[in-house]
N, C-alpha and C. Protein backbone atom coordinates (compact mmCIF):
# COMPACT_ATOMS: atom_id res chain seq x y z
N UNK A 1 52.48 -20.65 259.78
CA UNK A 1 52.59 -21.89 259.64
C UNK A 1 51.31 -22.24 260.79
N UNK A 2 50.96 -23.20 260.42
CA UNK A 2 49.69 -23.84 260.75
C UNK A 2 49.91 -25.19 261.84
N UNK A 3 49.69 -24.91 262.85
CA UNK A 3 49.79 -25.73 264.40
C UNK A 3 48.91 -26.91 264.32
N UNK A 4 49.26 -28.25 264.81
CA UNK A 4 48.00 -28.68 265.37
C UNK A 4 48.33 -28.88 266.86
N UNK A 5 47.10 -28.66 267.56
CA UNK A 5 46.79 -28.45 269.02
C UNK A 5 45.88 -29.18 269.28
N UNK A 6 46.17 -29.92 270.16
CA UNK A 6 45.30 -31.03 270.71
C UNK A 6 44.71 -31.74 269.77
N UNK A 7 45.68 -32.24 268.84
CA UNK A 7 45.07 -33.27 267.74
C UNK A 7 44.18 -32.49 266.84
N UNK A 8 44.16 -31.42 266.89
CA UNK A 8 43.46 -30.41 266.01
C UNK A 8 43.99 -29.41 265.14
N UNK A 9 43.65 -29.30 263.96
CA UNK A 9 44.18 -28.14 263.40
C UNK A 9 43.62 -26.72 264.12
N UNK A 10 44.88 -26.12 264.37
CA UNK A 10 44.55 -25.04 265.30
C UNK A 10 43.46 -23.89 264.47
N UNK A 11 42.64 -23.26 265.61
CA UNK A 11 41.46 -22.50 265.11
C UNK A 11 40.48 -23.21 264.40
N UNK A 12 40.33 -24.55 264.61
CA UNK A 12 39.57 -25.43 264.06
C UNK A 12 38.64 -26.45 265.00
N UNK A 13 37.99 -27.37 264.49
CA UNK A 13 37.24 -28.25 264.88
C UNK A 13 37.85 -29.76 264.41
N UNK A 14 38.49 -29.64 263.07
CA UNK A 14 39.04 -30.66 262.36
C UNK A 14 40.18 -31.23 263.19
N UNK A 15 40.12 -32.35 263.46
CA UNK A 15 41.15 -33.51 263.83
C UNK A 15 41.84 -34.04 262.77
N UNK A 16 42.95 -34.78 263.43
CA UNK A 16 43.81 -35.25 262.78
C UNK A 16 43.46 -36.59 261.91
N UNK A 17 42.31 -36.97 262.95
CA UNK A 17 41.41 -38.30 262.27
C UNK A 17 40.71 -38.20 261.33
N UNK A 18 40.10 -36.76 261.09
CA UNK A 18 39.22 -36.32 260.21
C UNK A 18 40.25 -36.38 258.87
N UNK A 19 41.40 -35.93 259.11
CA UNK A 19 42.11 -35.79 257.50
C UNK A 19 42.55 -37.16 257.35
N UNK A 20 43.04 -38.04 258.34
CA UNK A 20 43.43 -39.39 258.16
C UNK A 20 42.31 -40.05 257.45
N UNK A 21 41.08 -40.07 257.97
CA UNK A 21 40.10 -40.95 257.38
C UNK A 21 39.95 -40.68 255.82
N UNK A 22 39.80 -39.39 255.56
CA UNK A 22 39.76 -39.24 254.13
C UNK A 22 41.07 -39.81 253.25
N UNK A 23 42.38 -39.53 253.98
CA UNK A 23 43.75 -39.91 253.42
C UNK A 23 43.65 -41.41 253.18
N UNK A 24 43.06 -42.10 253.98
CA UNK A 24 42.85 -43.87 253.82
C UNK A 24 41.96 -44.09 252.78
N UNK A 25 41.11 -43.27 252.57
CA UNK A 25 40.28 -43.38 251.66
C UNK A 25 40.65 -42.90 250.10
N UNK A 26 41.55 -42.77 249.64
CA UNK A 26 42.34 -42.19 248.73
C UNK A 26 42.18 -40.68 248.18
N UNK A 27 41.93 -39.78 249.12
CA UNK A 27 41.63 -38.74 248.65
C UNK A 27 43.00 -37.72 248.69
N UNK A 28 42.95 -36.85 247.68
CA UNK A 28 44.09 -35.98 247.53
C UNK A 28 44.09 -34.79 248.65
N UNK A 29 44.96 -34.04 248.65
CA UNK A 29 45.14 -33.04 249.72
C UNK A 29 44.15 -31.96 249.65
N UNK A 30 44.01 -31.43 248.10
CA UNK A 30 43.36 -30.55 247.45
C UNK A 30 41.41 -30.82 248.02
N UNK A 31 41.29 -32.09 247.76
CA UNK A 31 39.95 -32.65 248.14
C UNK A 31 39.78 -32.55 249.41
N UNK A 32 40.48 -33.27 250.48
CA UNK A 32 40.41 -32.88 251.69
C UNK A 32 40.20 -31.67 252.38
N UNK A 33 41.17 -30.63 251.88
CA UNK A 33 40.82 -29.40 252.33
C UNK A 33 39.36 -28.70 251.60
N UNK A 34 39.04 -29.09 250.78
CA UNK A 34 37.76 -28.49 250.02
C UNK A 34 36.59 -28.93 250.97
N UNK A 35 36.53 -30.66 251.31
CA UNK A 35 35.34 -30.94 251.82
C UNK A 35 35.52 -30.71 253.50
N UNK A 36 36.59 -30.58 254.09
CA UNK A 36 36.70 -29.92 255.39
C UNK A 36 36.63 -28.48 255.48
N UNK A 37 36.71 -27.82 254.64
CA UNK A 37 36.80 -26.18 254.71
C UNK A 37 38.02 -25.58 255.65
N UNK A 38 38.96 -26.15 255.17
CA UNK A 38 40.22 -25.64 255.58
C UNK A 38 41.59 -25.51 254.12
N UNK A 39 42.63 -24.90 254.72
CA UNK A 39 43.57 -24.55 253.50
C UNK A 39 44.02 -26.16 253.00
N UNK A 40 44.86 -26.08 251.94
CA UNK A 40 45.94 -27.14 251.79
C UNK A 40 47.13 -27.29 252.88
N UNK A 41 47.60 -25.77 253.29
CA UNK A 41 48.43 -25.81 253.99
C UNK A 41 48.17 -26.24 255.61
N UNK A 42 46.97 -26.01 255.95
CA UNK A 42 46.53 -26.55 257.38
C UNK A 42 46.37 -28.25 257.20
N UNK A 43 45.79 -28.85 256.05
CA UNK A 43 45.98 -30.29 255.66
C UNK A 43 47.27 -30.98 255.43
N UNK A 44 48.25 -30.34 255.13
CA UNK A 44 49.46 -30.49 254.86
C UNK A 44 50.34 -30.54 256.67
N UNK A 45 49.70 -29.37 257.18
CA UNK A 45 50.42 -29.91 258.81
C UNK A 45 49.67 -30.83 259.31
N UNK A 46 48.70 -31.21 259.13
CA UNK A 46 47.99 -32.47 260.04
C UNK A 46 48.68 -33.61 259.04
N UNK A 47 48.84 -33.66 257.60
CA UNK A 47 49.74 -34.97 257.60
C UNK A 47 51.10 -34.93 257.96
N UNK A 48 51.52 -33.68 258.38
CA UNK A 48 52.88 -33.87 258.81
C UNK A 48 53.03 -34.52 260.13
N UNK A 49 51.91 -34.34 260.89
CA UNK A 49 51.52 -34.36 262.19
C UNK A 49 51.26 -36.00 262.47
N UNK A 50 50.44 -36.43 261.27
CA UNK A 50 50.08 -37.91 261.39
C UNK A 50 51.59 -38.76 260.71
N UNK A 51 52.33 -38.20 260.19
CA UNK A 51 53.71 -38.69 259.75
C UNK A 51 54.48 -38.88 261.34
N UNK A 52 54.72 -37.96 261.81
CA UNK A 52 55.17 -38.08 262.80
C UNK A 52 54.69 -38.71 263.96
N UNK A 53 53.45 -39.20 264.24
CA UNK A 53 53.02 -39.60 265.16
C UNK A 53 52.01 -40.86 264.51
N UNK A 54 52.66 -41.51 263.34
CA UNK A 54 51.58 -42.79 262.57
C UNK A 54 51.13 -43.82 263.50
N UNK A 55 51.88 -44.38 264.50
CA UNK A 55 51.64 -45.43 265.02
C UNK A 55 50.23 -45.18 265.97
N UNK A 56 50.29 -44.00 266.78
CA UNK A 56 49.25 -43.16 267.44
C UNK A 56 48.25 -43.17 266.64
N UNK A 57 48.10 -42.26 265.65
CA UNK A 57 47.42 -42.06 264.76
C UNK A 57 46.45 -43.01 264.49
N UNK A 58 47.11 -43.97 263.95
CA UNK A 58 46.12 -45.24 263.50
C UNK A 58 45.75 -45.70 264.36
N UNK A 59 46.42 -46.15 265.80
CA UNK A 59 45.80 -46.74 266.64
C UNK A 59 44.40 -46.31 267.33
N UNK A 60 44.48 -44.76 267.41
CA UNK A 60 43.24 -43.96 267.88
C UNK A 60 41.85 -44.17 266.78
N UNK A 61 42.68 -44.02 265.56
CA UNK A 61 41.82 -44.37 264.17
C UNK A 61 41.29 -45.60 264.23
N UNK A 62 41.63 -46.63 264.63
CA UNK A 62 41.00 -47.91 264.51
C UNK A 62 39.90 -47.87 265.68
N UNK A 63 40.37 -47.13 266.92
CA UNK A 63 39.71 -47.24 268.16
C UNK A 63 37.99 -46.37 267.57
N UNK A 64 38.32 -45.37 266.87
CA UNK A 64 37.31 -44.60 266.42
C UNK A 64 36.03 -45.46 265.67
N UNK A 65 37.07 -46.10 264.70
CA UNK A 65 36.35 -46.82 263.52
C UNK A 65 35.57 -47.85 264.20
N UNK A 66 36.26 -48.56 265.40
CA UNK A 66 35.49 -49.61 266.07
C UNK A 66 34.06 -49.12 266.55
N UNK A 67 34.20 -47.90 267.29
CA UNK A 67 33.04 -47.42 267.87
C UNK A 67 32.26 -46.91 267.17
N UNK A 68 32.37 -46.35 265.83
CA UNK A 68 31.11 -46.12 265.14
C UNK A 68 30.55 -47.14 264.38
N UNK A 69 31.58 -48.53 264.19
CA UNK A 69 31.10 -49.70 263.68
C UNK A 69 29.57 -50.33 264.70
N UNK A 70 30.04 -50.07 265.85
CA UNK A 70 29.35 -50.59 267.24
C UNK A 70 27.52 -49.68 267.46
N UNK A 71 27.86 -48.40 266.80
CA UNK A 71 26.67 -47.62 266.73
C UNK A 71 26.46 -47.05 268.28
N UNK A 72 25.41 -46.68 268.77
CA UNK A 72 24.91 -45.85 269.86
C UNK A 72 24.27 -47.23 270.62
N UNK A 73 24.67 -47.10 271.98
CA UNK A 73 24.07 -48.19 273.14
C UNK A 73 22.67 -47.88 272.91
N UNK A 74 21.54 -48.90 273.63
CA UNK A 74 20.16 -48.80 273.51
C UNK A 74 19.75 -47.64 274.28
N UNK A 75 20.60 -47.02 275.30
CA UNK A 75 20.14 -45.75 276.48
C UNK A 75 20.52 -44.73 275.17
N UNK A 76 21.45 -44.50 274.85
CA UNK A 76 21.75 -43.50 273.66
C UNK A 76 20.46 -43.39 272.64
N UNK A 77 20.12 -44.26 271.89
CA UNK A 77 19.48 -44.37 271.18
C UNK A 77 18.13 -44.07 271.46
N UNK A 78 17.55 -44.67 272.53
CA UNK A 78 16.20 -43.96 273.36
C UNK A 78 16.34 -42.57 273.59
N UNK A 79 17.42 -42.01 273.97
CA UNK A 79 17.43 -40.65 274.27
C UNK A 79 17.01 -39.83 272.95
N UNK A 80 17.79 -40.23 271.88
CA UNK A 80 17.95 -39.68 270.62
C UNK A 80 16.52 -39.74 270.11
N UNK A 81 15.75 -40.77 270.24
CA UNK A 81 14.57 -40.78 269.62
C UNK A 81 13.64 -39.97 270.65
N UNK A 82 13.89 -39.71 271.93
CA UNK A 82 12.62 -38.74 272.57
C UNK A 82 12.96 -37.82 272.03
N UNK A 83 14.45 -37.12 271.76
CA UNK A 83 14.55 -35.67 271.34
C UNK A 83 14.24 -35.57 270.15
N UNK A 84 14.00 -36.70 269.09
CA UNK A 84 13.50 -36.31 268.01
C UNK A 84 12.10 -36.14 267.96
N UNK A 85 11.60 -37.02 269.01
CA UNK A 85 9.79 -36.80 269.23
C UNK A 85 9.47 -35.26 269.62
N UNK A 86 10.46 -34.72 270.76
CA UNK A 86 10.13 -34.00 271.17
C UNK A 86 10.17 -32.62 270.29
N UNK A 87 11.13 -32.65 269.55
CA UNK A 87 11.85 -31.62 268.11
C UNK A 87 10.20 -31.66 267.02
N UNK A 88 10.08 -32.87 267.09
CA UNK A 88 8.88 -32.79 265.99
C UNK A 88 7.54 -32.31 266.47
N UNK A 89 7.52 -32.59 267.66
CA UNK A 89 6.38 -31.81 268.31
C UNK A 89 6.38 -30.73 268.28
N UNK A 90 7.55 -30.17 268.77
CA UNK A 90 7.57 -28.62 268.65
C UNK A 90 7.54 -27.97 267.57
N UNK A 91 8.13 -28.53 266.47
CA UNK A 91 7.70 -27.85 265.36
C UNK A 91 6.53 -27.96 264.63
N UNK A 92 5.78 -29.08 264.96
CA UNK A 92 4.42 -29.05 264.50
C UNK A 92 3.60 -28.36 265.13
N UNK A 93 3.90 -28.02 266.66
CA UNK A 93 3.05 -27.21 266.94
C UNK A 93 3.37 -25.23 267.02
N UNK A 94 4.29 -25.31 266.02
CA UNK A 94 4.53 -23.61 265.73
C UNK A 94 3.94 -23.51 264.75
N UNK A 95 3.35 -24.22 263.85
CA UNK A 95 2.51 -23.44 262.50
C UNK A 95 1.53 -24.70 262.53
N UNK A 96 0.23 -24.08 262.82
CA UNK A 96 -0.89 -24.95 262.24
C UNK A 96 -1.12 -25.39 261.05
N UNK A 97 -1.42 -26.48 260.70
CA UNK A 97 -1.84 -26.94 258.98
C UNK A 97 -2.80 -26.09 258.57
N UNK A 98 -3.47 -25.52 258.79
CA UNK A 98 -4.53 -24.80 258.44
C UNK A 98 -3.84 -23.18 258.08
N UNK A 99 -3.09 -22.88 258.82
CA UNK A 99 -2.22 -21.58 258.61
C UNK A 99 -1.91 -21.20 257.16
N UNK A 100 -2.34 -20.01 256.53
CA UNK A 100 -1.84 -19.63 255.65
C UNK A 100 -0.54 -20.05 255.13
N UNK A 101 0.49 -19.68 255.84
CA UNK A 101 1.72 -19.75 255.70
C UNK A 101 2.13 -21.15 255.41
N UNK A 102 1.31 -22.36 255.99
CA UNK A 102 1.49 -23.57 255.99
C UNK A 102 1.16 -23.99 254.45
N UNK A 103 0.29 -23.52 253.80
CA UNK A 103 0.01 -23.62 252.57
C UNK A 103 0.20 -22.86 251.38
N UNK A 104 1.38 -22.12 251.57
CA UNK A 104 1.99 -21.45 250.66
C UNK A 104 1.06 -20.17 249.71
N UNK A 105 -0.03 -19.88 251.13
CA UNK A 105 -1.25 -18.95 250.47
C UNK A 105 -0.76 -17.50 251.17
N UNK A 106 -0.80 -16.90 250.22
CA UNK A 106 -0.46 -15.32 250.48
C UNK A 106 1.01 -14.98 250.22
N UNK A 107 1.59 -15.79 249.95
CA UNK A 107 2.99 -15.34 249.86
C UNK A 107 3.33 -14.99 248.15
N UNK A 108 4.23 -14.09 248.14
CA UNK A 108 4.48 -13.34 247.08
C UNK A 108 5.66 -14.23 246.12
N UNK A 109 5.62 -14.62 245.07
CA UNK A 109 6.85 -15.32 244.77
C UNK A 109 7.84 -14.39 243.73
């Protein structure tokens, strides 16, 4: 039997809200299982939990959707842009443009 622990399918990072989101969009159990990388038994356990705690799951799901719709704060957005720039500089600095590997020279196919 699959358990739901802390609103997650046991042994995964998949929450009941992940399952609920797909369910609300008309997905079938098999499709939800495939896209989330879990079994249909695990999806059914989440559905059972959702059924038993419907008002709590719906309320929390609404809060999640509202938060997603608001997007990131300007502070978070700024930190994301800085992290992207840092990562791009790191990647760019790892392989000079004139290196044979950068131009696929010397690689066997």
